[in-house]
Amino acid sequence: MRYIWATIGLIALGLGLVGVVLPLLPTTPFLLVAAFAFARSSPRLSAWLINHQTFGPLIKNWQTHGSINRRTKKVAAFTMLLAFLLSVALGVAQHVLIIQAVVLSLAALFVLTRPHGPE
């Protein structure tokens, strides 16, 4: 079972890292899945991710407070808006824009309504 959790964690981590550069792929949910999976499979990988300079504070905030800090919320909302505007500028089909607008709006609503946690 540890190998299955480790595989899930590595896949989620990979998708999260891709999400850093692709605005339509969320980073944080994949990192949270990776942290969850690594906690069940590998103490070394779990410690590495939780203590990571960039990703660790986001994961710790979520695990301890169920919160997303203000800066992360702003970056997430701006990135979602930018991704939608890029799609509009590229002339993406209207039905795709509608789906994208709904999904991004729901994702933004979720992110923006989480507590800020400790500052």
PDB file of N, CA and C in Angstrom:
ATOM      1  N   MET A   1       0.822  -1.193   0.000  1.00  0.00           N
ATOM      2  CA  MET A   1       0.000   0.000   0.000  1.00  0.00           C
ATOM      3  C   MET A   1       0.872   1.265   0.000  1.00  0.00           C
ATOM      4  N   ARG A   2       2.043   1.180   0.651  1.00  0.00           N
ATOM      5  CA  ARG A   2       2.944   2.337   0.686  1.00  0.00           C
ATOM      6  C   ARG A   2       3.371   2.753  -0.715  1.00  0.00           C
ATOM      7  N   TYR A   3       3.592   1.777  -1.595  1.00  0.00           N
ATOM      8  CA  TYR A   3       4.016   2.097  -2.962  1.00  0.00           C
ATOM      9  C   TYR A   3       2.899   2.792  -3.742  1.00  0.00           C
ATOM     10  N   ILE A   4       1.680   2.391  -3.480  1.00  0.00           N
ATOM     11  CA  ILE A   4       0.544   3.042  -4.148  1.00  0.00           C
ATOM     12  C   ILE A   4       0.449   4.497  -3.695  1.00  0.00           C
ATOM     13  N   TRP A   5       0.544   4.730  -2.374  1.00  0.00           N
ATOM     14  CA  TRP A   5       0.497   6.106  -1.867  1.00  0.00           C
ATOM     15  C   TRP A   5       1.671   6.927  -2.382  1.00  0.00           C
ATOM     16  N   ALA A   6       2.848   6.312  -2.437  1.00  0.00           N
ATOM     17  CA  ALA A   6       4.017   7.031  -2.953  1.00  0.00           C
ATOM     18  C   ALA A   6       3.819   7.404  -4.421  1.00  0.00           C
ATOM     19  N   THR A   7       3.255   6.496  -5.197  1.00  0.00           N
ATOM     20  CA  THR A   7       2.984   6.770  -6.617  1.00  0.00           C
ATOM     21  C   THR A   7       1.973   7.907  -6.760  1.00  0.00           C
ATOM     22  N   ILE A   8       0.909   7.853  -5.971  1.00  0.00           N
ATOM     23  CA  ILE A   8      -0.086   8.932  -5.993  1.00  0.00           C
ATOM     24  C   ILE A   8       0.574  10.263  -5.623  1.00  0.00           C
ATOM     25  N   GLY A   9       1.416  10.238  -4.606  1.00  0.00           N
ATOM     26  CA  GLY A   9       2.106  11.446  -4.177  1.00  0.00           C
ATOM     27  C   GLY A   9       3.020  12.008  -5.247  1.00  0.00           C
ATOM     28  N   LEU A  10       3.760  11.134  -5.906  1.00  0.00           N
ATOM     29  CA  LEU A  10       4.679  11.596  -6.958  1.00  0.00           C
ATOM     30  C   LEU A  10       3.916  12.154  -8.157  1.00  0.00           C
ATOM     31  N   ILE A  11       2.823  11.505  -8.522  1.00  0.00           N
ATOM     32  CA  ILE A  11       2.007  12.009  -9.637  1.00  0.00           C
ATOM     33  C   ILE A  11       1.413  13.375  -9.268  1.00  0.00           C
ATOM     34  N   ALA A  12       0.870  13.479  -8.060  1.00  0.00           N
ATOM     35  CA  ALA A  12       0.287  14.752  -7.622  1.00  0.00           C
ATOM     36  C   ALA A  12       1.352  15.841  -7.556  1.00  0.00           C
ATOM     37  N   LEU A  13       2.527  15.499  -7.057  1.00  0.00           N
ATOM     38  CA  LEU A  13       3.621  16.472  -7.005  1.00  0.00           C
ATOM     39  C   LEU A  13       4.002  16.926  -8.410  1.00  0.00           C
ATOM     40  N   GLY A  14       4.105  15.987  -9.334  1.00  0.00           N
ATOM     41  CA  GLY A  14       4.427  16.327 -10.721  1.00  0.00           C
ATOM     42  C   GLY A  14       3.389  17.259 -11.328  1.00  0.00           C
ATOM     43  N   LEU A  15       2.104  16.944 -11.107  1.00  0.00           N
ATOM     44  CA  LEU A  15       1.039  17.803 -11.634  1.00  0.00           C
ATOM     45  C   LEU A  15       1.069  19.181 -10.974  1.00  0.00           C
ATOM     46  N   GLY A  16       1.374  19.212  -9.687  1.00  0.00           N
ATOM     47  CA  GLY A  16       1.487  20.493  -8.991  1.00  0.00           C
ATOM     48  C   GLY A  16       2.618  21.342  -9.538  1.00  0.00           C
ATOM     49  N   LEU A  17       3.736  20.701  -9.843  1.00  0.00           N
ATOM     50  CA  LEU A  17       4.872  21.445 -10.404  1.00  0.00           C
ATOM     51  C   LEU A  17       4.564  21.951 -11.806  1.00  0.00           C
ATOM     52  N   VAL A  18       3.840  21.162 -12.589  1.00  0.00           N
ATOM     53  CA  VAL A  18       3.412  21.626 -13.912  1.00  0.00           C
ATOM     54  C   VAL A  18       2.460  22.814 -13.745  1.00  0.00           C
ATOM     55  N   GLY A  19       1.625  22.750 -12.707  1.00  0.00           N
ATOM     56  CA  GLY A  19       0.683  23.833 -12.440  1.00  0.00           C
ATOM     57  C   GLY A  19       1.342  25.149 -12.092  1.00  0.00           C
ATOM     58  N   VAL A  20       2.591  25.102 -11.667  1.00  0.00           N
ATOM     59  CA  VAL A  20       3.316  26.347 -11.369  1.00  0.00           C
ATOM     60  C   VAL A  20       3.452  27.180 -12.638  1.00  0.00           C
ATOM     61  N   VAL A  21       3.653  26.528 -13.783  1.00  0.00           N
ATOM     62  CA  VAL A  21       3.867  27.273 -15.031  1.00  0.00           C
ATOM     63  C   VAL A  21       2.637  27.308 -15.935  1.00  0.00           C
ATOM     64  N   LEU A  22       1.660  26.431 -15.705  1.00  0.00           N
ATOM     65  CA  LEU A  22       0.431  26.440 -16.503  1.00  0.00           C
ATOM     66  C   LEU A  22      -0.712  26.983 -15.654  1.00  0.00           C
ATOM     67  N   PRO A  23      -1.220  28.164 -15.976  1.00  0.00           N
ATOM     68  CA  PRO A  23      -2.222  28.790 -15.124  1.00  0.00           C
ATOM     69  C   PRO A  23      -3.540  28.032 -15.026  1.00  0.00           C
ATOM     70  N   LEU A  24      -3.855  27.148 -15.949  1.00  0.00           N
ATOM     71  CA  LEU A  24      -5.123  26.428 -15.880  1.00  0.00           C
ATOM     72  C   LEU A  24      -5.051  25.196 -14.992  1.00  0.00           C
ATOM     73  N   LEU A  25      -3.861  24.785 -14.609  1.00  0.00           N
ATOM     74  CA  LEU A  25      -3.685  23.618 -13.757  1.00  0.00           C
ATOM     75  C   LEU A  25      -3.356  24.110 -12.349  1.00  0.00           C
ATOM     76  N   PRO A  26      -4.219  23.803 -11.374  1.00  0.00           N
ATOM     77  CA  PRO A  26      -3.980  24.331 -10.035  1.00  0.00           C
ATOM     78  C   PRO A  26      -2.790  23.653  -9.351  1.00  0.00           C
ATOM     79  N   THR A  27      -2.023  24.405  -8.644  1.00  0.00           N
ATOM     80  CA  THR A  27      -0.850  23.870  -7.950  1.00  0.00           C
ATOM     81  C   THR A  27      -1.205  23.366  -6.556  1.00  0.00           C
ATOM     82  N   THR A  28      -1.851  24.206  -5.783  1.00  0.00           N
ATOM     83  CA  THR A  28      -2.064  23.912  -4.368  1.00  0.00           C
ATOM     84  C   THR A  28      -2.834  22.611  -4.111  1.00  0.00           C
ATOM     85  N   PRO A  29      -3.957  22.344  -4.795  1.00  0.00           N
ATOM     86  CA  PRO A  29      -4.655  21.081  -4.498  1.00  0.00           C
ATOM     87  C   PRO A  29      -3.783  19.851  -4.748  1.00  0.00           C
ATOM     88  N   PHE A  30      -2.984  19.891  -5.794  1.00  0.00           N
ATOM     89  CA  PHE A  30      -2.105  18.751  -6.076  1.00  0.00           C
ATOM     90  C   PHE A  30      -1.028  18.613  -5.006  1.00  0.00           C
ATOM     91  N   LEU A  31      -0.523  19.736  -4.507  1.00  0.00           N
ATOM     92  CA  LEU A  31       0.472  19.669  -3.437  1.00  0.00           C
ATOM     93  C   LEU A  31      -0.142  19.135  -2.153  1.00  0.00           C
ATOM     94  N   LEU A  32      -1.390  19.488  -1.884  1.00  0.00           N
ATOM     95  CA  LEU A  32      -2.064  18.950  -0.701  1.00  0.00           C
ATOM     96  C   LEU A  32      -2.282  17.448  -0.824  1.00  0.00           C
ATOM     97  N   VAL A  33      -2.645  16.984  -2.013  1.00  0.00           N
ATOM     98  CA  VAL A  33      -2.784  15.539  -2.238  1.00  0.00           C
ATOM     99  C   VAL A  33      -1.437  14.858  -2.068  1.00  0.00           C
ATOM    100  N   ALA A  34      -0.389  15.465  -2.599  1.00  0.00           N
ATOM    101  CA  ALA A  34       0.956  14.891  -2.461  1.00  0.00           C
ATOM    102  C   ALA A  34       1.350  14.799  -0.986  1.00  0.00           C
ATOM    103  N   ALA A  35       1.081  15.849  -0.215  1.00  0.00           N
ATOM    104  CA  ALA A  35       1.407  15.831   1.210  1.00  0.00           C
ATOM    105  C   ALA A  35       0.640  14.729   1.930  1.00  0.00           C
ATOM    106  N   PHE A  36      -0.629  14.582   1.595  1.00  0.00           N
ATOM    107  CA  PHE A  36      -1.472  13.536   2.186  1.00  0.00           C
ATOM    108  C   PHE A  36      -0.921  12.149   1.842  1.00  0.00           C
ATOM    109  N   ALA A  37      -0.588  11.948   0.571  1.00  0.00           N
ATOM    110  CA  ALA A  37      -0.087  10.644   0.124  1.00  0.00           C
ATOM    111  C   ALA A  37       1.298  10.342   0.709  1.00  0.00           C
ATOM    112  N   PHE A  38       2.169  11.330   0.742  1.00  0.00           N
ATOM    113  CA  PHE A  38       3.510  11.114   1.284  1.00  0.00           C
ATOM    114  C   PHE A  38       3.459  10.824   2.790  1.00  0.00           C
ATOM    115  N   ALA A  39       2.497  11.406   3.495  1.00  0.00           N
ATOM    116  CA  ALA A  39       2.361  11.140   4.927  1.00  0.00           C
ATOM    117  C   ALA A  39       2.029   9.668   5.174  1.00  0.00           C
ATOM    118  N   ARG A  40       1.437   9.011   4.183  1.00  0.00           N
ATOM    119  CA  ARG A  40       1.078   7.605   4.309  1.00  0.00           C
ATOM    120  C   ARG A  40       2.091   6.650   3.686  1.00  0.00           C
ATOM    121  N   SER A  41       3.096   7.212   3.016  1.00  0.00           N
ATOM    122  CA  SER A  41       4.014   6.328   2.294  1.00  0.00           C
ATOM    123  C   SER A  41       5.482   6.535   2.635  1.00  0.00           C
ATOM    124  N   SER A  42       5.889   7.780   2.808  1.00  0.00           N
ATOM    125  CA  SER A  42       7.314   8.047   2.959  1.00  0.00           C
ATOM    126  C   SER A  42       7.563   9.220   3.899  1.00  0.00           C
ATOM    127  N   PRO A  43       8.036   8.945   5.107  1.00  0.00           N
ATOM    128  CA  PRO A  43       8.346  10.046   6.024  1.00  0.00           C
ATOM    129  C   PRO A  43       9.379  11.013   5.433  1.00  0.00           C
ATOM    130  N   ARG A  44      10.300  10.503   4.644  1.00  0.00           N
ATOM    131  CA  ARG A  44      11.338  11.353   4.048  1.00  0.00           C
ATOM    132  C   ARG A  44      10.723  12.324   3.037  1.00  0.00           C
ATOM    133  N   LEU A  45       9.888  11.825   2.128  1.00  0.00           N
ATOM    134  CA  LEU A  45       9.251  12.703   1.141  1.00  0.00           C
ATOM    135  C   LEU A  45       8.269  13.659   1.812  1.00  0.00           C
ATOM    136  N   SER A  46       7.553  13.180   2.817  1.00  0.00           N
ATOM    137  CA  SER A  46       6.614  14.032   3.541  1.00  0.00           C
ATOM    138  C   SER A  46       7.354  15.192   4.200  1.00  0.00           C
ATOM    139  N   ALA A  47       8.443  14.888   4.889  1.00  0.00           N
ATOM    140  CA  ALA A  47       9.232  15.930   5.549  1.00  0.00           C
ATOM    141  C   ALA A  47       9.813  16.901   4.526  1.00  0.00           C
ATOM    142  N   TRP A  48      10.282  16.377   3.398  1.00  0.00           N
ATOM    143  CA  TRP A  48      10.851  17.245   2.357  1.00  0.00           C
ATOM    144  C   TRP A  48       9.805  18.236   1.856  1.00  0.00           C
ATOM    145  N   LEU A  49       8.592  17.749   1.581  1.00  0.00           N
ATOM    146  CA  LEU A  49       7.553  18.619   1.029  1.00  0.00           C
ATOM    147  C   LEU A  49       7.071  19.625   2.068  1.00  0.00           C
ATOM    148  N   ILE A  50       6.850  19.179   3.287  1.00  0.00           N
ATOM    149  CA  ILE A  50       6.357  20.075   4.332  1.00  0.00           C
ATOM    150  C   ILE A  50       7.402  21.128   4.702  1.00  0.00           C
ATOM    151  N   ASN A  51       8.662  20.784   4.587  1.00  0.00           N
ATOM    152  CA  ASN A  51       9.727  21.736   4.918  1.00  0.00           C
ATOM    153  C   ASN A  51      10.264  22.483   3.699  1.00  0.00           C
ATOM    154  N   HIS A  52       9.657  22.280   2.537  1.00  0.00           N
ATOM    155  CA  HIS A  52      10.094  22.967   1.319  1.00  0.00           C
ATOM    156  C   HIS A  52       9.918  24.477   1.516  1.00  0.00           C
ATOM    157  N   GLN A  53      10.901  25.230   1.092  1.00  0.00           N
ATOM    158  CA  GLN A  53      10.905  26.680   1.294  1.00  0.00           C
ATOM    159  C   GLN A  53       9.693  27.363   0.672  1.00  0.00           C
ATOM    160  N   THR A  54       9.304  26.936  -0.526  1.00  0.00           N
ATOM    161  CA  THR A  54       8.188  27.583  -1.224  1.00  0.00           C
ATOM    162  C   THR A  54       6.852  26.951  -0.886  1.00  0.00           C
ATOM    163  N   PHE A  55       6.765  25.636  -0.960  1.00  0.00           N
ATOM    164  CA  PHE A  55       5.481  24.947  -0.817  1.00  0.00           C
ATOM    165  C   PHE A  55       5.121  24.610   0.624  1.00  0.00           C
ATOM    166  N   GLY A  56       6.110  24.467   1.481  1.00  0.00           N
ATOM    167  CA  GLY A  56       5.866  24.062   2.861  1.00  0.00           C
ATOM    168  C   GLY A  56       4.900  24.961   3.621  1.00  0.00           C
ATOM    169  N   PRO A  57       5.093  26.285   3.587  1.00  0.00           N
ATOM    170  CA  PRO A  57       4.169  27.151   4.334  1.00  0.00           C
ATOM    171  C   PRO A  57       2.718  27.030   3.861  1.00  0.00           C
ATOM    172  N   LEU A  58       2.498  26.849   2.561  1.00  0.00           N
ATOM    173  CA  LEU A  58       1.129  26.689   2.066  1.00  0.00           C
ATOM    174  C   LEU A  58       0.492  25.436   2.642  1.00  0.00           C
ATOM    175  N   ILE A  59       1.254  24.358   2.651  1.00  0.00           N
ATOM    176  CA  ILE A  59       0.745  23.087   3.153  1.00  0.00           C
ATOM    177  C   ILE A  59       0.514  23.167   4.655  1.00  0.00           C
ATOM    178  N   LYS A  60       1.454  23.736   5.392  1.00  0.00           N
ATOM    179  CA  LYS A  60       1.307  23.862   6.845  1.00  0.00           C
ATOM    180  C   LYS A  60       0.089  24.720   7.201  1.00  0.00           C
ATOM    181  N   ASN A  61      -0.098  25.825   6.484  1.00  0.00           N
ATOM    182  CA  ASN A  61      -1.267  26.685   6.711  1.00  0.00           C
ATOM    183  C   ASN A  61      -2.557  25.900   6.535  1.00  0.00           C
ATOM    184  N   TRP A  62      -2.617  25.113   5.475  1.00  0.00           N
ATOM    185  CA  TRP A  62      -3.831  24.350   5.199  1.00  0.00           C
ATOM    186  C   TRP A  62      -4.040  23.271   6.253  1.00  0.00           C
ATOM    187  N   GLN A  63      -2.968  22.557   6.610  1.00  0.00           N
ATOM    188  CA  GLN A  63      -3.085  21.465   7.567  1.00  0.00           C
ATOM    189  C   GLN A  63      -3.456  21.956   8.966  1.00  0.00           C
ATOM    190  N   THR A  64      -2.921  23.088   9.376  1.00  0.00           N
ATOM    191  CA  THR A  64      -3.159  23.541  10.746  1.00  0.00           C
ATOM    192  C   THR A  64      -4.364  24.465  10.890  1.00  0.00           C
ATOM    193  N   HIS A  65      -4.666  25.251   9.855  1.00  0.00           N
ATOM    194  CA  HIS A  65      -5.727  26.249   9.972  1.00  0.00           C
ATOM    195  C   HIS A  65      -6.818  26.131   8.904  1.00  0.00           C
ATOM    196  N   GLY A  66      -6.618  25.281   7.899  1.00  0.00           N
ATOM    197  CA  GLY A  66      -7.573  25.222   6.789  1.00  0.00           C
ATOM    198  C   GLY A  66      -7.635  26.554   6.063  1.00  0.00           C
ATOM    199  N   SER A  67      -6.478  27.220   5.977  1.00  0.00           N
ATOM    200  CA  SER A  67      -6.461  28.582   5.446  1.00  0.00           C
ATOM    201  C   SER A  67      -5.494  28.736   4.286  1.00  0.00           C
ATOM    202  N   ILE A  68      -5.715  29.839   3.551  1.00  0.00           N
ATOM    203  CA  ILE A  68      -4.844  30.234   2.443  1.00  0.00           C
ATOM    204  C   ILE A  68      -4.501  31.699   2.695  1.00  0.00           C
ATOM    205  N   ASN A  69      -3.209  32.028   2.711  1.00  0.00           N
ATOM    206  CA  ASN A  69      -2.836  33.405   3.047  1.00  0.00           C
ATOM    207  C   ASN A  69      -3.248  34.386   1.947  1.00  0.00           C
ATOM    208  N   ARG A  70      -3.291  35.654   2.319  1.00  0.00           N
ATOM    209  CA  ARG A  70      -3.775  36.709   1.418  1.00  0.00           C
ATOM    210  C   ARG A  70      -2.973  36.778   0.118  1.00  0.00           C
ATOM    211  N   ARG A  71      -1.681  36.698   0.216  1.00  0.00           N
ATOM    212  CA  ARG A  71      -0.840  36.803  -0.977  1.00  0.00           C
ATOM    213  C   ARG A  71      -1.139  35.664  -1.951  1.00  0.00           C
ATOM    214  N   THR A  72      -1.264  34.460  -1.440  1.00  0.00           N
ATOM    215  CA  THR A  72      -1.561  33.310  -2.294  1.00  0.00           C
ATOM    216  C   THR A  72      -2.928  33.465  -2.943  1.00  0.00           C
ATOM    217  N   LYS A  73      -3.896  33.980  -2.194  1.00  0.00           N
ATOM    218  CA  LYS A  73      -5.228  34.218  -2.756  1.00  0.00           C
ATOM    219  C   LYS A  73      -5.162  35.217  -3.908  1.00  0.00           C
ATOM    220  N   LYS A  74      -4.418  36.303  -3.705  1.00  0.00           N
ATOM    221  CA  LYS A  74      -4.298  37.328  -4.742  1.00  0.00           C
ATOM    222  C   LYS A  74      -3.631  36.769  -5.997  1.00  0.00           C
ATOM    223  N   VAL A  75      -2.552  36.023  -5.803  1.00  0.00           N
ATOM    224  CA  VAL A  75      -1.845  35.430  -6.941  1.00  0.00           C
ATOM    225  C   VAL A  75      -2.758  34.446  -7.671  1.00  0.00           C
ATOM    226  N   ALA A  76      -3.485  33.628  -6.924  1.00  0.00           N
ATOM    227  CA  ALA A  76      -4.379  32.646  -7.541  1.00  0.00           C
ATOM    228  C   ALA A  76      -5.478  33.334  -8.347  1.00  0.00           C
ATOM    229  N   ALA A  77      -6.117  34.343  -7.762  1.00  0.00           N
ATOM    230  CA  ALA A  77      -7.197  35.050  -8.454  1.00  0.00           C
ATOM    231  C   ALA A  77      -6.680  35.762  -9.703  1.00  0.00           C
ATOM    232  N   PHE A  78      -5.532  36.414  -9.582  1.00  0.00           N
ATOM    233  CA  PHE A  78      -4.942  37.108 -10.727  1.00  0.00           C
ATOM    234  C   PHE A  78      -4.578  36.117 -11.837  1.00  0.00           C
ATOM    235  N   THR A  79      -4.014  34.986 -11.467  1.00  0.00           N
ATOM    236  CA  THR A  79      -3.618  33.984 -12.457  1.00  0.00           C
ATOM    237  C   THR A  79      -4.837  33.419 -13.176  1.00  0.00           C
ATOM    238  N   MET A  80      -5.910  33.178 -12.429  1.00  0.00           N
ATOM    239  CA  MET A  80      -7.142  32.672 -13.055  1.00  0.00           C
ATOM    240  C   MET A  80      -7.715  33.689 -14.033  1.00  0.00           C
ATOM    241  N   LEU A  81      -7.728  34.951 -13.624  1.00  0.00           N
ATOM    242  CA  LEU A  81      -8.217  36.009 -14.512  1.00  0.00           C
ATOM    243  C   LEU A  81      -7.338  36.114 -15.752  1.00  0.00           C
ATOM    244  N   LEU A  82      -6.042  36.075 -15.558  1.00  0.00           N
ATOM    245  CA  LEU A  82      -5.101  36.154 -16.672  1.00  0.00           C
ATOM    246  C   LEU A  82      -5.292  34.986 -17.648  1.00  0.00           C
ATOM    247  N   ALA A  83      -5.501  33.790 -17.119  1.00  0.00           N
ATOM    248  CA  ALA A  83      -5.719  32.617 -17.972  1.00  0.00           C
ATOM    249  C   ALA A  83      -6.984  32.791 -18.812  1.00  0.00           C
ATOM    250  N   PHE A  84      -8.043  33.313 -18.191  1.00  0.00           N
ATOM    251  CA  PHE A  84      -9.279  33.527 -18.940  1.00  0.00           C
ATOM    252  C   PHE A  84      -9.100  34.593 -20.014  1.00  0.00           C
ATOM    253  N   LEU A  85      -8.454  35.695 -19.656  1.00  0.00           N
ATOM    254  CA  LEU A  85      -8.228  36.760 -20.636  1.00  0.00           C
ATOM    255  C   LEU A  85      -7.339  36.293 -21.791  1.00  0.00           C
ATOM    256  N   LEU A  86      -6.381  35.450 -21.490  1.00  0.00           N
ATOM    257  CA  LEU A  86      -5.536  34.882 -22.539  1.00  0.00           C
ATOM    258  C   LEU A  86      -6.372  34.025 -23.492  1.00  0.00           C
ATOM    259  N   SER A  87      -7.283  33.253 -22.949  1.00  0.00           N
ATOM    260  CA  SER A  87      -8.159  32.435 -23.786  1.00  0.00           C
ATOM    261  C   SER A  87      -9.029  33.299 -24.684  1.00  0.00           C
ATOM    262  N   VAL A  88      -9.538  34.390 -24.122  1.00  0.00           N
ATOM    263  CA  VAL A  88     -10.345  35.328 -24.922  1.00  0.00           C
ATOM    264  C   VAL A  88      -9.489  35.915 -26.037  1.00  0.00           C
ATOM    265  N   ALA A  89      -8.285  36.358 -25.709  1.00  0.00           N
ATOM    266  CA  ALA A  89      -7.388  36.974 -26.695  1.00  0.00           C
ATOM    267  C   ALA A  89      -6.994  35.991 -27.799  1.00  0.00           C
ATOM    268  N   LEU A  90      -6.889  34.719 -27.447  1.00  0.00           N
ATOM    269  CA  LEU A  90      -6.522  33.705 -28.443  1.00  0.00           C
ATOM    270  C   LEU A  90      -7.705  33.246 -29.290  1.00  0.00           C
ATOM    271  N   GLY A  91      -8.889  33.737 -28.968  1.00  0.00           N
ATOM    272  CA  GLY A  91     -10.064  33.401 -29.765  1.00  0.00           C
ATOM    273  C   GLY A  91     -10.588  31.995 -29.534  1.00  0.00           C
ATOM    274  N   VAL A  92     -10.478  31.531 -28.308  1.00  0.00           N
ATOM    275  CA  VAL A  92     -10.981  30.195 -27.971  1.00  0.00           C
ATOM    276  C   VAL A  92     -12.493  30.177 -28.195  1.00  0.00           C
ATOM    277  N   ALA A  93     -12.999  29.031 -28.583  1.00  0.00           N
ATOM    278  CA  ALA A  93     -14.429  28.883 -28.877  1.00  0.00           C
ATOM    279  C   ALA A  93     -15.282  29.316 -27.684  1.00  0.00           C
ATOM    280  N   GLN A  94     -16.450  29.884 -28.009  1.00  0.00           N
ATOM    281  CA  GLN A  94     -17.311  30.446 -26.977  1.00  0.00           C
ATOM    282  C   GLN A  94     -17.749  29.406 -25.949  1.00  0.00           C
ATOM    283  N   HIS A  95     -18.075  28.207 -26.378  1.00  0.00           N
ATOM    284  CA  HIS A  95     -18.523  27.193 -25.413  1.00  0.00           C
ATOM    285  C   HIS A  95     -17.396  26.810 -24.450  1.00  0.00           C
ATOM    286  N   VAL A  96     -16.165  26.831 -24.923  1.00  0.00           N
ATOM    287  CA  VAL A  96     -15.018  26.555 -24.054  1.00  0.00           C
ATOM    288  C   VAL A  96     -14.825  27.717 -23.070  1.00  0.00           C
ATOM    289  N   LEU A  97     -15.003  28.938 -23.551  1.00  0.00           N
ATOM    290  CA  LEU A  97     -14.890  30.098 -22.668  1.00  0.00           C
ATOM    291  C   LEU A  97     -15.935  30.059 -21.559  1.00  0.00           C
ATOM    292  N   ILE A  98     -17.124  29.632 -21.889  1.00  0.00           N
ATOM    293  CA  ILE A  98     -18.189  29.544 -20.881  1.00  0.00           C
ATOM    294  C   ILE A  98     -17.823  28.509 -19.818  1.00  0.00           C
ATOM    295  N   ILE A  99     -17.373  27.353 -20.259  1.00  0.00           N
ATOM    296  CA  ILE A  99     -16.957  26.303 -19.314  1.00  0.00           C
ATOM    297  C   ILE A  99     -15.798  26.806 -18.462  1.00  0.00           C
ATOM    298  N   GLN A 100     -14.832  27.419 -19.111  1.00  0.00           N
ATOM    299  CA  GLN A 100     -13.672  27.940 -18.391  1.00  0.00           C
ATOM    300  C   GLN A 100     -14.096  29.001 -17.376  1.00  0.00           C
ATOM    301  N   ALA A 101     -14.990  29.888 -17.759  1.00  0.00           N
ATOM    302  CA  ALA A 101     -15.451  30.944 -16.848  1.00  0.00           C
ATOM    303  C   ALA A 101     -16.145  30.338 -15.625  1.00  0.00           C
ATOM    304  N   VAL A 102     -16.961  29.326 -15.836  1.00  0.00           N
ATOM    305  CA  VAL A 102     -17.666  28.692 -14.716  1.00  0.00           C
ATOM    306  C   VAL A 102     -16.672  28.003 -13.784  1.00  0.00           C
ATOM    307  N   VAL A 103     -15.775  27.215 -14.353  1.00  0.00           N
ATOM    308  CA  VAL A 103     -14.805  26.474 -13.532  1.00  0.00           C
ATOM    309  C   VAL A 103     -13.885  27.430 -12.778  1.00  0.00           C
ATOM    310  N   LEU A 104     -13.356  28.418 -13.471  1.00  0.00           N
ATOM    311  CA  LEU A 104     -12.460  29.367 -12.814  1.00  0.00           C
ATOM    312  C   LEU A 104     -13.189  30.201 -11.766  1.00  0.00           C
ATOM    313  N   SER A 105     -14.436  30.542 -12.019  1.00  0.00           N
ATOM    314  CA  SER A 105     -15.218  31.294 -11.034  1.00  0.00           C
ATOM    315  C   SER A 105     -15.438  30.472  -9.768  1.00  0.00           C
ATOM    316  N   LEU A 106     -15.765  29.199  -9.937  1.00  0.00           N
ATOM    317  CA  LEU A 106     -15.961  28.331  -8.771  1.00  0.00           C
ATOM    318  C   LEU A 106     -14.656  28.129  -8.012  1.00  0.00           C
ATOM    319  N   ALA A 107     -13.569  27.959  -8.737  1.00  0.00           N
ATOM    320  CA  ALA A 107     -12.266  27.804  -8.084  1.00  0.00           C
ATOM    321  C   ALA A 107     -11.891  29.079  -7.335  1.00  0.00           C
ATOM    322  N   ALA A 108     -12.117  30.231  -7.950  1.00  0.00           N
ATOM    323  CA  ALA A 108     -11.821  31.508  -7.293  1.00  0.00           C
ATOM    324  C   ALA A 108     -12.699  31.705  -6.063  1.00  0.00           C
ATOM    325  N   LEU A 109     -13.958  31.341  -6.172  1.00  0.00           N
ATOM    326  CA  LEU A 109     -14.869  31.453  -5.042  1.00  0.00           C
ATOM    327  C   LEU A 109     -14.374  30.606  -3.869  1.00  0.00           C
ATOM    328  N   PHE A 110     -13.955  29.390  -4.151  1.00  0.00           N
ATOM    329  CA  PHE A 110     -13.433  28.518  -3.100  1.00  0.00           C
ATOM    330  C   PHE A 110     -12.194  29.137  -2.455  1.00  0.00           C
ATOM    331  N   VAL A 111     -11.242  29.543  -3.275  1.00  0.00           N
ATOM    332  CA  VAL A 111      -9.985  30.094  -2.751  1.00  0.00           C
ATOM    333  C   VAL A 111     -10.237  31.364  -1.941  1.00  0.00           C
ATOM    334  N   LEU A 112     -11.035  32.263  -2.477  1.00  0.00           N
ATOM    335  CA  LEU A 112     -11.229  33.566  -1.832  1.00  0.00           C
ATOM    336  C   LEU A 112     -12.076  33.494  -0.562  1.00  0.00           C
ATOM    337  N   THR A 113     -12.842  32.419  -0.394  1.00  0.00           N
ATOM    338  CA  THR A 113     -13.674  32.303   0.806  1.00  0.00           C
ATOM    339  C   THR A 113     -13.009  31.502   1.925  1.00  0.00           C
ATOM    340  N   ARG A 114     -11.794  31.010   1.701  1.00  0.00           N
ATOM    341  CA  ARG A 114     -11.073  30.323   2.790  1.00  0.00           C
ATOM    342  C   ARG A 114     -10.556  31.372   3.764  1.00  0.00           C
ATOM    343  N   PRO A 115     -10.413  30.979   5.029  1.00  0.00           N
ATOM    344  CA  PRO A 115      -9.850  31.935   6.001  1.00  0.00           C
ATOM    345  C   PRO A 115      -8.413  32.320   5.611  1.00  0.00           C
ATOM    346  N   HIS A 116      -7.978  33.486   6.093  1.00  0.00           N
ATOM    347  CA  HIS A 116      -6.623  33.954   5.805  1.00  0.00           C
ATOM    348  C   HIS A 116      -5.587  33.244   6.660  1.00  0.00           C
ATOM    349  N   GLY A 117      -5.976  32.798   7.821  1.00  0.00           N
ATOM    350  CA  GLY A 117      -5.020  32.167   8.718  1.00  0.00           C
ATOM    351  C   GLY A 117      -4.111  33.192   9.362  1.00  0.00           C
ATOM    352  N   PRO A 118      -3.091  32.724  10.052  1.00  0.00           N
ATOM    353  CA  PRO A 118      -2.176  33.674  10.696  1.00  0.00           C
ATOM    354  C   PRO A 118      -1.380  34.442   9.653  1.00  0.00           C
ATOM    355  N   GLU A 119      -1.188  35.706   9.890  1.00  0.00           N
ATOM    356  CA  GLU A 119      -0.443  36.535   8.926  1.00  0.00           C
ATOM    357  C   GLU A 119       1.021  36.536   9.249  1.00  0.00           C
TER     358      GLU A 119
END
